[in-house]
Amino acid sequence: MAGHSHWAGIKHKKGRADKERSKIFSKLSREITVAAKLGDKNPEMNPRLRTAIQAAKQANMPKDNIFRAISKSEMSSNKNYENLRYEGFGPFNTAIVIETLTDNKNRSASSIRTVLQKSGGRLAETGSATHMFNSCGIIHIDKNKITEEDAFEIAINAGAKDCLNINNFIEIITKKEDFYKIKTDLEKKIDSLSYSAIEWRAINSLNLDEEKSKKMIEVLNALEDLDDVQNIFTNASLKIKQ
């Protein structure tokens, strides 16, 4: 799914097998349905829905699936999904922040606890891991869409915290509460953003060697396979054999 933490970046590079595509689409559909249910059905009037649709398009989700997910918001009044955050520690004392969209918090907590305990980790109390992260808005713009100077000027004028030159894209960092406003301002000037989301960014990364990284990835994959889990963030800096 979307995300550019160390973990998400590696997923982006490695790609996802076709057999996993339906699971990714299911998670994206759930976010679209909830966003449409909680706000306007028109993405132009609903920043959360617009962001969810953009993430779906970036994952090559068919338009029909997107339309069905929006329509489903009118038929799923009997299901109330909650955005719940779980915090815990994985192998090698790595910190993990897990965001879920669930209609059964007991099921979510139980399944996450089981995955973490199998790896020698544990589910922890609220605040035990998030103090190692900053919650912020992240926006990426391909360099072929804008010059670094123009991106910096737009970002600062919009109220962004920082603007960074990274490989083939410009990264704009915002305060969490300013994310949708700044994103909307940028979209008025740039026809498409390559990525945008609210993330938990580790303040300090924990470097893992190749062997430890392999075990950590197994844990992260197991967490991501859980239906209720939408996003995972970790302070682990993973080393992957090329």
C-alpha atoms as a PDB file:
ATOM      1  CA  MET A   1       0.000   0.000   0.000  1.00  0.00           C
ATOM      2  CA  ALA A   2       0.919   3.614   0.094  1.00  0.00           C
ATOM      3  CA  GLY A   3       3.689   4.870   2.320  1.00  0.00           C
ATOM      4  CA  HIS A   4       7.321   5.858   2.199  1.00  0.00           C
ATOM      5  CA  SER A   5       8.775   4.747   5.498  1.00  0.00           C
ATOM      6  CA  HIS A   6      11.773   2.403   5.170  1.00  0.00           C
ATOM      7  CA  TRP A   7       9.342  -0.516   5.005  1.00  0.00           C
ATOM      8  CA  ALA A   8       6.981   1.042   2.502  1.00  0.00           C
ATOM      9  CA  GLY A   9       9.829   2.178   0.284  1.00  0.00           C
ATOM     10  CA  ILE A  10      11.152  -1.365   0.053  1.00  0.00           C
ATOM     11  CA  LYS A  11       7.690  -2.676  -0.783  1.00  0.00           C
ATOM     12  CA  HIS A  12       7.427  -0.081  -3.522  1.00  0.00           C
ATOM     13  CA  LYS A  13      10.724  -1.200  -5.064  1.00  0.00           C
ATOM     14  CA  LYS A  14      10.027  -4.912  -4.815  1.00  0.00           C
ATOM     15  CA  GLY A  15       6.475  -4.663  -6.113  1.00  0.00           C
ATOM     16  CA  ARG A  16       3.606  -6.905  -5.122  1.00  0.00           C
ATOM     17  CA  ALA A  17       2.698 -10.286  -6.566  1.00  0.00           C
ATOM     18  CA  ASP A  18      -0.590 -10.619  -8.412  1.00  0.00           C
ATOM     19  CA  LYS A  19      -1.929 -12.957  -5.740  1.00  0.00           C
ATOM     20  CA  GLU A  20      -1.587 -10.122  -3.220  1.00  0.00           C
ATOM     21  CA  ARG A  21      -3.219  -7.516  -5.435  1.00  0.00           C
ATOM     22  CA  SER A  22      -6.755  -8.378  -4.349  1.00  0.00           C
ATOM     23  CA  LYS A  23      -5.791  -7.902  -0.680  1.00  0.00           C
ATOM     24  CA  ILE A  24      -4.293  -4.487  -1.445  1.00  0.00           C
ATOM     25  CA  PHE A  25      -7.407  -3.492  -3.409  1.00  0.00           C
ATOM     26  CA  SER A  26      -9.597  -4.653  -0.520  1.00  0.00           C
ATOM     27  CA  LYS A  27      -7.768  -2.371   1.934  1.00  0.00           C
ATOM     28  CA  LEU A  28      -7.916   0.566  -0.480  1.00  0.00           C
ATOM     29  CA  SER A  29     -11.624  -0.049  -1.102  1.00  0.00           C
ATOM     30  CA  ARG A  30     -12.336  -0.025   2.624  1.00  0.00           C
ATOM     31  CA  GLU A  31     -10.630   3.356   3.033  1.00  0.00           C
ATOM     32  CA  ILE A  32     -12.552   4.790   0.052  1.00  0.00           C
ATOM     33  CA  THR A  33     -15.873   3.489   1.419  1.00  0.00           C
ATOM     34  CA  VAL A  34     -15.268   4.934   4.890  1.00  0.00           C
ATOM     35  CA  ALA A  35     -14.034   8.263   3.523  1.00  0.00           C
ATOM     36  CA  ALA A  36     -17.143   8.544   1.329  1.00  0.00           C
ATOM     37  CA  LYS A  37     -19.406   7.536   4.208  1.00  0.00           C
ATOM     38  CA  LEU A  38     -17.955  10.119   6.590  1.00  0.00           C
ATOM     39  CA  GLY A  39     -17.928  13.009   4.126  1.00  0.00           C
ATOM     40  CA  ASP A  40     -19.044  14.192   0.712  1.00  0.00           C
ATOM     41  CA  LYS A  41     -19.265  11.613  -2.087  1.00  0.00           C
ATOM     42  CA  ASN A  42     -17.586  14.146  -4.384  1.00  0.00           C
ATOM     43  CA  PRO A  43     -13.786  13.800  -4.001  1.00  0.00           C
ATOM     44  CA  GLU A  44     -13.355  17.479  -4.888  1.00  0.00           C
ATOM     45  CA  MET A  45     -15.262  18.336  -1.711  1.00  0.00           C
ATOM     46  CA  ASN A  46     -13.755  15.561   0.433  1.00  0.00           C
ATOM     47  CA  PRO A  47      -9.939  15.671   0.834  1.00  0.00           C
ATOM     48  CA  ARG A  48      -9.754  12.286   2.569  1.00  0.00           C
ATOM     49  CA  LEU A  49     -11.738  10.627  -0.211  1.00  0.00           C
ATOM     50  CA  ARG A  50      -9.631  12.364  -2.856  1.00  0.00           C
ATOM     51  CA  THR A  51      -6.441  11.126  -1.231  1.00  0.00           C
ATOM     52  CA  ALA A  52      -7.842   7.581  -0.968  1.00  0.00           C
ATOM     53  CA  ILE A  53      -8.794   7.558  -4.652  1.00  0.00           C
ATOM     54  CA  GLN A  54      -5.353   8.843  -5.630  1.00  0.00           C
ATOM     55  CA  ALA A  55      -3.725   6.044  -3.626  1.00  0.00           C
ATOM     56  CA  ALA A  56      -5.966   3.520  -5.388  1.00  0.00           C
ATOM     57  CA  LYS A  57      -5.002   4.873  -8.800  1.00  0.00           C
ATOM     58  CA  GLN A  58      -1.307   4.704  -7.879  1.00  0.00           C
ATOM     59  CA  ALA A  59      -1.850   1.024  -7.079  1.00  0.00           C
ATOM     60  CA  ASN A  60      -3.468   0.560 -10.529  1.00  0.00           C
ATOM     61  CA  MET A  61      -6.845  -0.229  -9.025  1.00  0.00           C
ATOM     62  CA  PRO A  62      -9.509  -0.348 -11.783  1.00  0.00           C
ATOM     63  CA  LYS A  63     -11.960   2.568 -11.977  1.00  0.00           C
ATOM     64  CA  ASP A  64     -14.910   0.195 -11.570  1.00  0.00           C
ATOM     65  CA  ASN A  65     -13.528  -0.932  -8.201  1.00  0.00           C
ATOM     66  CA  ILE A  66     -13.223   2.687  -7.087  1.00  0.00           C
ATOM     67  CA  PHE A  67     -16.798   3.519  -8.109  1.00  0.00           C
ATOM     68  CA  ARG A  68     -18.096   0.387  -6.353  1.00  0.00           C
ATOM     69  CA  ALA A  69     -16.275   1.342  -3.164  1.00  0.00           C
ATOM     70  CA  ILE A  70     -17.874   4.811  -3.200  1.00  0.00           C
ATOM     71  CA  SER A  71     -21.326   3.353  -3.883  1.00  0.00           C
ATOM     72  CA  LYS A  72     -20.836   0.841  -1.077  1.00  0.00           C
ATOM     73  CA  SER A  73     -20.718   3.738   1.415  1.00  0.00           C
ATOM     74  CA  GLU A  74     -24.480   4.130   0.986  1.00  0.00           C
ATOM     75  CA  MET A  75     -25.152   0.447   1.611  1.00  0.00           C
ATOM     76  CA  SER A  76     -22.818  -0.230   4.562  1.00  0.00           C
ATOM     77  CA  SER A  77     -24.669   1.742   7.215  1.00  0.00           C
ATOM     78  CA  ASN A  78     -24.851  -1.409   9.333  1.00  0.00           C
ATOM     79  CA  LYS A  79     -21.041  -1.550   9.547  1.00  0.00           C
ATOM     80  CA  ASN A  80     -19.218   1.142  11.441  1.00  0.00           C
ATOM     81  CA  TYR A  81     -15.486   1.114  10.839  1.00  0.00           C
ATOM     82  CA  GLU A  82     -13.134   2.851  13.241  1.00  0.00           C
ATOM     83  CA  ASN A  83      -9.636   4.180  12.636  1.00  0.00           C
ATOM     84  CA  LEU A  84      -7.678   2.597  15.480  1.00  0.00           C
ATOM     85  CA  ARG A  85      -3.943   2.768  16.099  1.00  0.00           C
ATOM     86  CA  TYR A  86      -1.969   0.001  17.770  1.00  0.00           C
ATOM     87  CA  GLU A  87       1.600   0.271  19.001  1.00  0.00           C
ATOM     88  CA  GLY A  88       4.080  -2.455  19.707  1.00  0.00           C
ATOM     89  CA  PHE A  89       7.574  -3.826  19.470  1.00  0.00           C
ATOM     90  CA  GLY A  90       8.845  -6.415  17.041  1.00  0.00           C
ATOM     91  CA  PRO A  91      12.034  -8.488  16.998  1.00  0.00           C
ATOM     92  CA  PHE A  92      15.273  -6.712  17.999  1.00  0.00           C
ATOM     93  CA  ASN A  93      13.196  -4.192  19.981  1.00  0.00           C
ATOM     94  CA  THR A  94      12.008  -2.435  16.821  1.00  0.00           C
ATOM     95  CA  ALA A  95       9.136   0.003  17.311  1.00  0.00           C
ATOM     96  CA  ILE A  96       6.012  -0.455  15.178  1.00  0.00           C
ATOM     97  CA  VAL A  97       2.966   1.743  14.677  1.00  0.00           C
ATOM     98  CA  ILE A  98      -0.014  -0.032  13.097  1.00  0.00           C
ATOM     99  CA  GLU A  99      -3.046   1.796  11.717  1.00  0.00           C
ATOM    100  CA  THR A 100      -6.243  -0.175  11.270  1.00  0.00           C
ATOM    101  CA  LEU A 101      -9.696   0.380   9.862  1.00  0.00           C
ATOM    102  CA  THR A 102     -11.870  -2.109  11.703  1.00  0.00           C
ATOM    103  CA  ASP A 103     -15.410  -2.955  12.760  1.00  0.00           C
ATOM    104  CA  ASN A 104     -14.135  -5.198  15.559  1.00  0.00           C
ATOM    105  CA  LYS A 105     -11.342  -3.790  17.733  1.00  0.00           C
ATOM    106  CA  ASN A 106     -11.074  -6.982  19.811  1.00  0.00           C
ATOM    107  CA  ARG A 107     -10.378  -9.004  16.673  1.00  0.00           C
ATOM    108  CA  SER A 108      -7.802  -6.475  15.490  1.00  0.00           C
ATOM    109  CA  ALA A 109      -5.961  -6.339  18.809  1.00  0.00           C
ATOM    110  CA  SER A 110      -5.947 -10.122  19.158  1.00  0.00           C
ATOM    111  CA  SER A 111      -4.607 -10.809  15.670  1.00  0.00           C
ATOM    112  CA  ILE A 112      -1.911  -8.118  15.922  1.00  0.00           C
ATOM    113  CA  ARG A 113      -0.865  -9.373  19.366  1.00  0.00           C
ATOM    114  CA  THR A 114      -0.532 -12.926  18.023  1.00  0.00           C
ATOM    115  CA  VAL A 115       1.725 -11.874  15.128  1.00  0.00           C
ATOM    116  CA  LEU A 116       3.988  -9.807  17.376  1.00  0.00           C
ATOM    117  CA  GLN A 117       4.234 -12.469  20.091  1.00  0.00           C
ATOM    118  CA  LYS A 118       5.229 -15.143  17.562  1.00  0.00           C
ATOM    119  CA  SER A 119       8.241 -13.011  16.656  1.00  0.00           C
ATOM    120  CA  GLY A 120       9.216 -12.384  20.257  1.00  0.00           C
ATOM    121  CA  GLY A 121       7.604  -8.958  20.222  1.00  0.00           C
ATOM    122  CA  ARG A 122       4.627  -7.557  22.056  1.00  0.00           C
ATOM    123  CA  LEU A 123       1.613  -5.302  21.766  1.00  0.00           C
ATOM    124  CA  ALA A 124       2.193  -2.218  23.905  1.00  0.00           C
ATOM    125  CA  GLU A 125       0.233   0.589  25.491  1.00  0.00           C
ATOM    126  CA  THR A 126      -0.737   3.738  23.632  1.00  0.00           C
ATOM    127  CA  GLY A 127       2.183   6.149  23.510  1.00  0.00           C
ATOM    128  CA  SER A 128       4.867   3.549  24.131  1.00  0.00           C
ATOM    129  CA  ALA A 129       6.060   3.576  20.503  1.00  0.00           C
ATOM    130  CA  THR A 130       4.670   6.774  18.976  1.00  0.00           C
ATOM    131  CA  HIS A 131       6.967   8.967  21.057  1.00  0.00           C
ATOM    132  CA  MET A 132       9.736   7.626  18.800  1.00  0.00           C
ATOM    133  CA  PHE A 133       7.960   8.990  15.717  1.00  0.00           C
ATOM    134  CA  ASN A 134       6.649  12.250  14.309  1.00  0.00           C
ATOM    135  CA  SER A 135       3.185  12.261  12.737  1.00  0.00           C
ATOM    136  CA  CYS A 136       3.362  14.400   9.618  1.00  0.00           C
ATOM    137  CA  GLY A 137       1.995  14.873   6.126  1.00  0.00           C
ATOM    138  CA  ILE A 138       4.184  13.675   3.250  1.00  0.00           C
ATOM    139  CA  ILE A 139       3.765  14.786  -0.358  1.00  0.00           C
ATOM    140  CA  HIS A 140       5.903  13.689  -3.308  1.00  0.00           C
ATOM    141  CA  ILE A 141       6.121  15.479  -6.640  1.00  0.00           C
ATOM    142  CA  ASP A 142       8.001  14.039  -9.618  1.00  0.00           C
ATOM    143  CA  LYS A 143      10.849  16.304 -10.675  1.00  0.00           C
ATOM    144  CA  ASN A 144       9.564  16.343 -14.249  1.00  0.00           C
ATOM    145  CA  LYS A 145       6.470  18.165 -12.943  1.00  0.00           C
ATOM    146  CA  ILE A 146       8.219  21.082 -11.248  1.00  0.00           C
ATOM    147  CA  THR A 147      11.597  22.660 -10.598  1.00  0.00           C
ATOM    148  CA  GLU A 148      13.129  22.432  -7.150  1.00  0.00           C
ATOM    149  CA  GLU A 149      12.976  26.227  -6.799  1.00  0.00           C
ATOM    150  CA  ASP A 150       9.270  26.393  -7.682  1.00  0.00           C
ATOM    151  CA  ALA A 151       8.431  23.475  -5.384  1.00  0.00           C
ATOM    152  CA  PHE A 152      10.270  25.123  -2.493  1.00  0.00           C
ATOM    153  CA  GLU A 153       8.504  28.429  -3.062  1.00  0.00           C
ATOM    154  CA  ILE A 154       5.044  26.829  -3.276  1.00  0.00           C
ATOM    155  CA  ALA A 155       5.700  24.653  -0.221  1.00  0.00           C
ATOM    156  CA  ILE A 156       6.885  27.510   1.965  1.00  0.00           C
ATOM    157  CA  ASN A 157       4.071  29.828   0.865  1.00  0.00           C
ATOM    158  CA  ALA A 158       1.552  27.075   1.614  1.00  0.00           C
ATOM    159  CA  GLY A 159       2.942  26.652   5.133  1.00  0.00           C
ATOM    160  CA  ALA A 160       4.930  23.412   4.779  1.00  0.00           C
ATOM    161  CA  LYS A 161       7.567  22.471   7.360  1.00  0.00           C
ATOM    162  CA  ASP A 162      10.236  21.353   4.889  1.00  0.00           C
ATOM    163  CA  CYS A 163      10.980  20.689   1.232  1.00  0.00           C
ATOM    164  CA  LEU A 164      13.619  18.097   0.289  1.00  0.00           C
ATOM    165  CA  ASN A 165      15.302  17.034  -2.931  1.00  0.00           C
ATOM    166  CA  ILE A 166      15.281  13.200  -2.967  1.00  0.00           C
ATOM    167  CA  ASN A 167      16.404  11.178  -5.992  1.00  0.00           C
ATOM    168  CA  ASN A 168      13.769  11.663  -8.713  1.00  0.00           C
ATOM    169  CA  PHE A 169      11.171  13.491  -6.624  1.00  0.00           C
ATOM    170  CA  ILE A 170      10.637  16.473  -4.355  1.00  0.00           C
ATOM    171  CA  GLU A 171       9.394  15.641  -0.858  1.00  0.00           C
ATOM    172  CA  ILE A 172       7.281  18.168   1.014  1.00  0.00           C
ATOM    173  CA  ILE A 173       6.720  17.643   4.736  1.00  0.00           C
ATOM    174  CA  THR A 174       3.770  19.250   6.503  1.00  0.00           C
ATOM    175  CA  LYS A 175       2.291  19.317   9.968  1.00  0.00           C
ATOM    176  CA  LYS A 176      -0.381  16.642  10.279  1.00  0.00           C
ATOM    177  CA  GLU A 177      -3.136  19.228  10.798  1.00  0.00           C
ATOM    178  CA  ASP A 178      -2.035  21.216   7.716  1.00  0.00           C
ATOM    179  CA  PHE A 179      -1.729  18.236   5.359  1.00  0.00           C
ATOM    180  CA  TYR A 180      -5.041  18.436   3.477  1.00  0.00           C
ATOM    181  CA  LYS A 181      -4.922  22.221   3.159  1.00  0.00           C
ATOM    182  CA  ILE A 182      -1.377  22.249   1.757  1.00  0.00           C
ATOM    183  CA  LYS A 183      -2.132  19.277  -0.494  1.00  0.00           C
ATOM    184  CA  THR A 184      -5.166  21.108  -1.901  1.00  0.00           C
ATOM    185  CA  ASP A 185      -3.075  24.251  -2.498  1.00  0.00           C
ATOM    186  CA  LEU A 186      -0.428  22.206  -4.336  1.00  0.00           C
ATOM    187  CA  GLU A 187      -3.021  20.451  -6.483  1.00  0.00           C
ATOM    188  CA  LYS A 188      -4.166  23.841  -7.797  1.00  0.00           C
ATOM    189  CA  LYS A 189      -0.686  24.371  -9.233  1.00  0.00           C
ATOM    190  CA  ILE A 190       0.431  20.824 -10.093  1.00  0.00           C
ATOM    191  CA  ASP A 191      -1.743  18.462 -12.119  1.00  0.00           C
ATOM    192  CA  SER A 192      -0.744  15.305 -10.224  1.00  0.00           C
ATOM    193  CA  LEU A 193       1.146  14.326  -7.091  1.00  0.00           C
ATOM    194  CA  SER A 194       3.043  11.036  -7.159  1.00  0.00           C
ATOM    195  CA  TYR A 195       2.286  10.288  -3.516  1.00  0.00           C
ATOM    196  CA  SER A 196       0.569  11.850  -0.512  1.00  0.00           C
ATOM    197  CA  ALA A 197      -0.281  10.525   2.935  1.00  0.00           C
ATOM    198  CA  ILE A 198      -0.079  11.144   6.646  1.00  0.00           C
ATOM    199  CA  GLU A 199       2.777   9.044   8.012  1.00  0.00           C
ATOM    200  CA  TRP A 200       4.545   8.203  11.233  1.00  0.00           C
ATOM    201  CA  ARG A 201       8.196   9.047  10.590  1.00  0.00           C
ATOM    202  CA  ALA A 202      10.799   7.604  12.963  1.00  0.00           C
ATOM    203  CA  ILE A 203      12.835  10.267  14.756  1.00  0.00           C
ATOM    204  CA  ASN A 204      15.824   7.899  14.855  1.00  0.00           C
ATOM    205  CA  SER A 205      16.190   4.735  12.782  1.00  0.00           C
ATOM    206  CA  LEU A 206      17.378   1.382  14.096  1.00  0.00           C
ATOM    207  CA  ASN A 207      19.757  -0.175  11.559  1.00  0.00           C
ATOM    208  CA  LEU A 208      19.289  -3.906  11.001  1.00  0.00           C
ATOM    209  CA  ASP A 209      21.702  -6.154   9.145  1.00  0.00           C
ATOM    210  CA  GLU A 210      20.574  -8.380   6.286  1.00  0.00           C
ATOM    211  CA  GLU A 211      19.726 -11.395   8.443  1.00  0.00           C
ATOM    212  CA  LYS A 212      17.735  -9.376  10.985  1.00  0.00           C
ATOM    213  CA  SER A 213      16.039  -7.435   8.186  1.00  0.00           C
ATOM    214  CA  LYS A 214      14.788 -10.700   6.670  1.00  0.00           C
ATOM    215  CA  LYS A 215      13.114 -11.695   9.943  1.00  0.00           C
ATOM    216  CA  MET A 216      11.672  -8.217  10.383  1.00  0.00           C
ATOM    217  CA  ILE A 217      10.166  -8.277   6.899  1.00  0.00           C
ATOM    218  CA  GLU A 218       8.458 -11.581   7.702  1.00  0.00           C
ATOM    219  CA  VAL A 219       6.795  -9.922  10.694  1.00  0.00           C
ATOM    220  CA  LEU A 220       5.767  -6.850   8.688  1.00  0.00           C
ATOM    221  CA  ASN A 221       4.336  -9.035   5.928  1.00  0.00           C
ATOM    222  CA  ALA A 222       2.356 -11.053   8.493  1.00  0.00           C
ATOM    223  CA  LEU A 223       0.924  -7.842   9.951  1.00  0.00           C
ATOM    224  CA  GLU A 224       0.062  -6.515   6.509  1.00  0.00           C
ATOM    225  CA  ASP A 225      -1.755  -9.744   5.660  1.00  0.00           C
ATOM    226  CA  LEU A 226      -4.291  -8.963   8.397  1.00  0.00           C
ATOM    227  CA  ASP A 227      -7.477  -7.616   6.819  1.00  0.00           C
ATOM    228  CA  ASP A 228      -7.940  -4.807   9.348  1.00  0.00           C
ATOM    229  CA  VAL A 229      -4.420  -3.400   8.973  1.00  0.00           C
ATOM    230  CA  GLN A 230      -4.174  -0.396   6.663  1.00  0.00           C
ATOM    231  CA  ASN A 231      -0.694   1.037   7.288  1.00  0.00           C
ATOM    232  CA  ILE A 232       2.451  -0.020   9.120  1.00  0.00           C
ATOM    233  CA  PHE A 233       5.332   2.215  10.179  1.00  0.00           C
ATOM    234  CA  THR A 234       8.552   1.134  11.848  1.00  0.00           C
ATOM    235  CA  ASN A 235      11.799   2.664  13.011  1.00  0.00           C
ATOM    236  CA  ALA A 236      13.717  -0.269  11.517  1.00  0.00           C
ATOM    237  CA  SER A 237      16.097   0.628   8.705  1.00  0.00           C
ATOM    238  CA  LEU A 238      16.072  -2.544   6.639  1.00  0.00           C
ATOM    239  CA  LYS A 239      18.983  -3.881   4.639  1.00  0.00           C
ATOM    240  CA  ILE A 240      17.855  -5.843   1.609  1.00  0.00           C
ATOM    241  CA  LYS A 241      20.058  -7.985  -0.606  1.00  0.00           C
ATOM    242  CA  GLN A 242      19.976  -6.550  -4.109  1.00  0.00           C
END
